Amino acid sequence: RPPHTDFETDLLIARKFGFETLMYEWQGITQYKIDKVIAEGMRFGACVINEQKAMKNFLTMGVRHFYTDYPELLLKLI
């Protein structure tokens, strides 16, 4: 989802339709969003993450799904 979408509406729709993962562009990711999605029993994803430092940061925050052009960088961290 783009960074400026209505997160609370996204969460309602995800619950209603049984989504397993919510994926957001990196610019709109906050710890609050990650925590809320995980608390709902879903996974949180980030896109497009191409820098290893950002990958590490998002992993620490609880992100478990990534879109990246450099999967080898992510594999070094997991």
N, C-alpha and C. Protein backbone atom coordinates (compact mmCIF):
# COMPACT_ATOMS: atom_id res chain seq x y z
N ARG A 1 0.84 -1.16 0.00
CA ARG A 1 0.00 0.00 0.00
C ARG A 1 0.89 1.24 0.00
N PRO A 2 0.41 2.29 -0.62
CA PRO A 2 1.15 3.54 -0.63
C PRO A 2 1.24 4.13 0.79
N PRO A 3 2.20 5.00 1.02
CA PRO A 3 2.43 5.51 2.36
C PRO A 3 1.29 6.34 2.96
N HIS A 4 0.48 6.96 2.15
CA HIS A 4 -0.54 7.87 2.69
C HIS A 4 -1.94 7.29 2.68
N THR A 5 -2.07 5.97 2.59
CA THR A 5 -3.40 5.36 2.64
C THR A 5 -3.90 5.40 4.08
N ASP A 6 -5.20 5.23 4.23
CA ASP A 6 -5.82 5.22 5.56
C ASP A 6 -5.57 3.85 6.20
N PHE A 7 -4.63 3.80 7.10
CA PHE A 7 -4.21 2.54 7.70
C PHE A 7 -5.35 1.85 8.44
N GLU A 8 -6.14 2.60 9.18
CA GLU A 8 -7.24 1.98 9.94
C GLU A 8 -8.25 1.33 9.00
N THR A 9 -8.53 1.94 7.87
CA THR A 9 -9.43 1.34 6.88
C THR A 9 -8.79 0.10 6.28
N ASP A 10 -7.51 0.17 5.98
CA ASP A 10 -6.80 -1.01 5.48
C ASP A 10 -6.93 -2.17 6.46
N LEU A 11 -6.79 -1.88 7.74
CA LEU A 11 -6.86 -2.91 8.77
C LEU A 11 -8.26 -3.52 8.85
N LEU A 12 -9.28 -2.68 8.75
CA LEU A 12 -10.66 -3.18 8.75
C LEU A 12 -10.92 -4.10 7.56
N ILE A 13 -10.48 -3.70 6.40
CA ILE A 13 -10.67 -4.52 5.20
C ILE A 13 -9.90 -5.83 5.32
N ALA A 14 -8.69 -5.76 5.83
CA ALA A 14 -7.87 -6.96 6.01
C ALA A 14 -8.54 -7.95 6.94
N ARG A 15 -9.11 -7.45 8.04
CA ARG A 15 -9.84 -8.32 8.98
C ARG A 15 -11.05 -8.94 8.30
N LYS A 16 -11.83 -8.11 7.62
CA LYS A 16 -13.07 -8.56 6.99
C LYS A 16 -12.84 -9.68 5.98
N PHE A 17 -11.76 -9.57 5.21
CA PHE A 17 -11.51 -10.53 4.14
C PHE A 17 -10.45 -11.58 4.49
N GLY A 18 -9.99 -11.59 5.72
CA GLY A 18 -9.06 -12.62 6.16
C GLY A 18 -7.67 -12.54 5.56
N PHE A 19 -7.18 -11.33 5.36
CA PHE A 19 -5.82 -11.19 4.83
C PHE A 19 -4.82 -11.83 5.78
N GLU A 20 -3.75 -12.33 5.23
CA GLU A 20 -2.67 -12.90 6.04
C GLU A 20 -1.51 -11.92 6.21
N THR A 21 -1.37 -11.00 5.26
CA THR A 21 -0.24 -10.06 5.27
C THR A 21 -0.71 -8.70 4.76
N LEU A 22 -0.21 -7.64 5.38
CA LEU A 22 -0.37 -6.29 4.84
C LEU A 22 1.02 -5.81 4.43
N MET A 23 1.13 -5.32 3.22
CA MET A 23 2.40 -4.88 2.65
C MET A 23 2.33 -3.38 2.38
N TYR A 24 3.33 -2.64 2.88
CA TYR A 24 3.37 -1.19 2.69
C TYR A 24 4.69 -0.75 2.07
N GLU A 25 4.62 0.35 1.33
CA GLU A 25 5.84 0.98 0.84
C GLU A 25 6.61 1.49 2.06
N TRP A 26 7.91 1.40 2.00
CA TRP A 26 8.76 1.69 3.17
C TRP A 26 8.54 3.07 3.76
N GLN A 27 8.17 4.05 2.94
CA GLN A 27 8.02 5.42 3.44
C GLN A 27 6.87 5.56 4.44
N GLY A 28 5.91 4.65 4.38
CA GLY A 28 4.75 4.75 5.26
C GLY A 28 4.78 3.81 6.45
N ILE A 29 5.89 3.14 6.67
CA ILE A 29 5.96 2.15 7.75
C ILE A 29 6.32 2.83 9.06
N THR A 30 5.54 2.48 10.09
CA THR A 30 5.83 2.94 11.45
C THR A 30 5.74 1.74 12.38
N GLN A 31 6.35 1.87 13.55
CA GLN A 31 6.27 0.79 14.54
C GLN A 31 4.82 0.55 14.95
N TYR A 32 4.04 1.62 15.03
CA TYR A 32 2.62 1.50 15.38
C TYR A 32 1.90 0.57 14.40
N LYS A 33 2.09 0.80 13.11
CA LYS A 33 1.43 -0.02 12.10
C LYS A 33 1.88 -1.48 12.19
N ILE A 34 3.16 -1.69 12.34
CA ILE A 34 3.68 -3.06 12.45
C ILE A 34 3.05 -3.76 13.65
N ASP A 35 3.07 -3.10 14.79
CA ASP A 35 2.52 -3.69 16.01
C ASP A 35 1.04 -4.01 15.88
N LYS A 36 0.27 -3.10 15.29
CA LYS A 36 -1.18 -3.33 15.11
C LYS A 36 -1.45 -4.52 14.20
N VAL A 37 -0.72 -4.62 13.11
CA VAL A 37 -0.92 -5.72 12.17
C VAL A 37 -0.57 -7.05 12.83
N ILE A 38 0.54 -7.09 13.53
CA ILE A 38 0.95 -8.32 14.21
C ILE A 38 -0.06 -8.69 15.30
N ALA A 39 -0.55 -7.70 16.03
CA ALA A 39 -1.55 -7.95 17.09
C ALA A 39 -2.84 -8.54 16.51
N GLU A 40 -3.12 -8.25 15.25
CA GLU A 40 -4.30 -8.80 14.57
C GLU A 40 -4.05 -10.20 14.03
N GLY A 41 -2.84 -10.71 14.24
CA GLY A 41 -2.52 -12.06 13.78
C GLY A 41 -2.09 -12.13 12.33
N MET A 42 -1.74 -10.98 11.76
CA MET A 42 -1.27 -10.94 10.38
C MET A 42 0.23 -10.66 10.35
N ARG A 43 0.81 -10.83 9.20
CA ARG A 43 2.22 -10.50 9.00
C ARG A 43 2.32 -9.12 8.35
N PHE A 44 3.45 -8.48 8.56
CA PHE A 44 3.68 -7.15 8.00
C PHE A 44 4.80 -7.23 6.98
N GLY A 45 4.59 -6.58 5.84
CA GLY A 45 5.60 -6.59 4.79
C GLY A 45 5.99 -5.18 4.36
N ALA A 46 7.20 -5.08 3.81
CA ALA A 46 7.74 -3.80 3.36
C ALA A 46 8.23 -3.90 1.92
N CYS A 47 8.01 -2.84 1.15
CA CYS A 47 8.51 -2.81 -0.22
C CYS A 47 8.92 -1.37 -0.56
N VAL A 48 9.69 -1.15 -1.43
CA VAL A 48 10.80 -1.91 -1.98
C VAL A 48 12.01 -1.54 -1.14
N ILE A 49 12.61 -2.53 -0.50
CA ILE A 49 13.73 -2.31 0.41
C ILE A 49 14.99 -2.84 -0.27
N ASN A 50 15.88 -1.95 -0.65
CA ASN A 50 17.08 -2.35 -1.38
C ASN A 50 18.38 -2.08 -0.63
N GLU A 51 18.31 -1.49 0.54
CA GLU A 51 19.51 -1.22 1.32
C GLU A 51 19.55 -2.16 2.52
N GLN A 52 20.70 -2.79 2.75
CA GLN A 52 20.83 -3.77 3.82
C GLN A 52 20.57 -3.15 5.20
N LYS A 53 21.01 -1.92 5.41
CA LYS A 53 20.78 -1.26 6.70
C LYS A 53 19.28 -1.10 6.96
N ALA A 54 18.53 -0.73 5.95
CA ALA A 54 17.08 -0.60 6.10
C ALA A 54 16.44 -1.96 6.33
N MET A 55 16.93 -2.98 5.65
CA MET A 55 16.40 -4.34 5.86
C MET A 55 16.58 -4.74 7.31
N LYS A 56 17.77 -4.50 7.85
CA LYS A 56 18.06 -4.86 9.24
C LYS A 56 17.15 -4.11 10.19
N ASN A 57 16.96 -2.82 9.93
CA ASN A 57 16.09 -2.01 10.77
C ASN A 57 14.65 -2.53 10.75
N PHE A 58 14.14 -2.83 9.58
CA PHE A 58 12.76 -3.32 9.48
C PHE A 58 12.62 -4.71 10.09
N LEU A 59 13.61 -5.56 9.96
CA LEU A 59 13.58 -6.86 10.63
C LEU A 59 13.48 -6.68 12.14
N THR A 60 14.26 -5.76 12.68
CA THR A 60 14.23 -5.47 14.11
C THR A 60 12.85 -4.98 14.55
N MET A 61 12.18 -4.23 13.68
CA MET A 61 10.86 -3.69 13.99
C MET A 61 9.76 -4.75 13.89
N GLY A 62 10.04 -5.89 13.27
CA GLY A 62 9.04 -6.94 13.17
C GLY A 62 8.55 -7.27 11.77
N VAL A 63 9.10 -6.60 10.77
CA VAL A 63 8.73 -6.88 9.38
C VAL A 63 9.30 -8.25 9.00
N ARG A 64 8.47 -9.07 8.34
CA ARG A 64 8.92 -10.41 7.97
C ARG A 64 8.79 -10.71 6.48
N HIS A 65 8.23 -9.80 5.73
CA HIS A 65 8.09 -9.99 4.28
C HIS A 65 8.66 -8.76 3.58
N PHE A 66 9.46 -9.01 2.56
CA PHE A 66 10.14 -7.92 1.86
C PHE A 66 10.00 -8.09 0.35
N TYR A 67 9.81 -6.98 -0.32
CA TYR A 67 10.03 -6.90 -1.75
C TYR A 67 11.36 -6.19 -1.90
N THR A 68 12.29 -6.80 -2.64
CA THR A 68 13.60 -6.21 -2.83
C THR A 68 14.18 -6.63 -4.17
N ASP A 69 15.03 -5.80 -4.71
CA ASP A 69 15.76 -6.15 -5.92
C ASP A 69 17.06 -6.88 -5.58
N TYR A 70 17.37 -6.95 -4.27
CA TYR A 70 18.63 -7.55 -3.82
C TYR A 70 18.41 -8.58 -2.71
N PRO A 71 17.78 -9.70 -3.03
CA PRO A 71 17.49 -10.69 -2.01
C PRO A 71 18.73 -11.24 -1.32
N GLU A 72 19.86 -11.22 -2.02
CA GLU A 72 21.11 -11.74 -1.41
C GLU A 72 21.51 -10.90 -0.19
N LEU A 73 21.19 -9.61 -0.19
CA LEU A 73 21.47 -8.77 0.99
C LEU A 73 20.60 -9.18 2.17
N LEU A 74 19.35 -9.45 1.90
CA LEU A 74 18.43 -9.87 2.95
C LEU A 74 18.81 -11.25 3.49
N LEU A 75 19.21 -12.14 2.61
CA LEU A 75 19.59 -13.49 3.04
C LEU A 75 20.78 -13.47 4.00
N LYS A 76 21.65 -12.50 3.86
CA LYS A 76 22.79 -12.39 4.77
C LYS A 76 22.37 -12.03 6.19
N LEU A 77 21.16 -11.48 6.33
CA LEU A 77 20.68 -11.03 7.64
C LEU A 77 19.82 -12.06 8.36
N ILE A 78 19.35 -13.04 7.63
CA ILE A 78 18.46 -14.02 8.26
C ILE A 78 19.10 -15.38 8.42
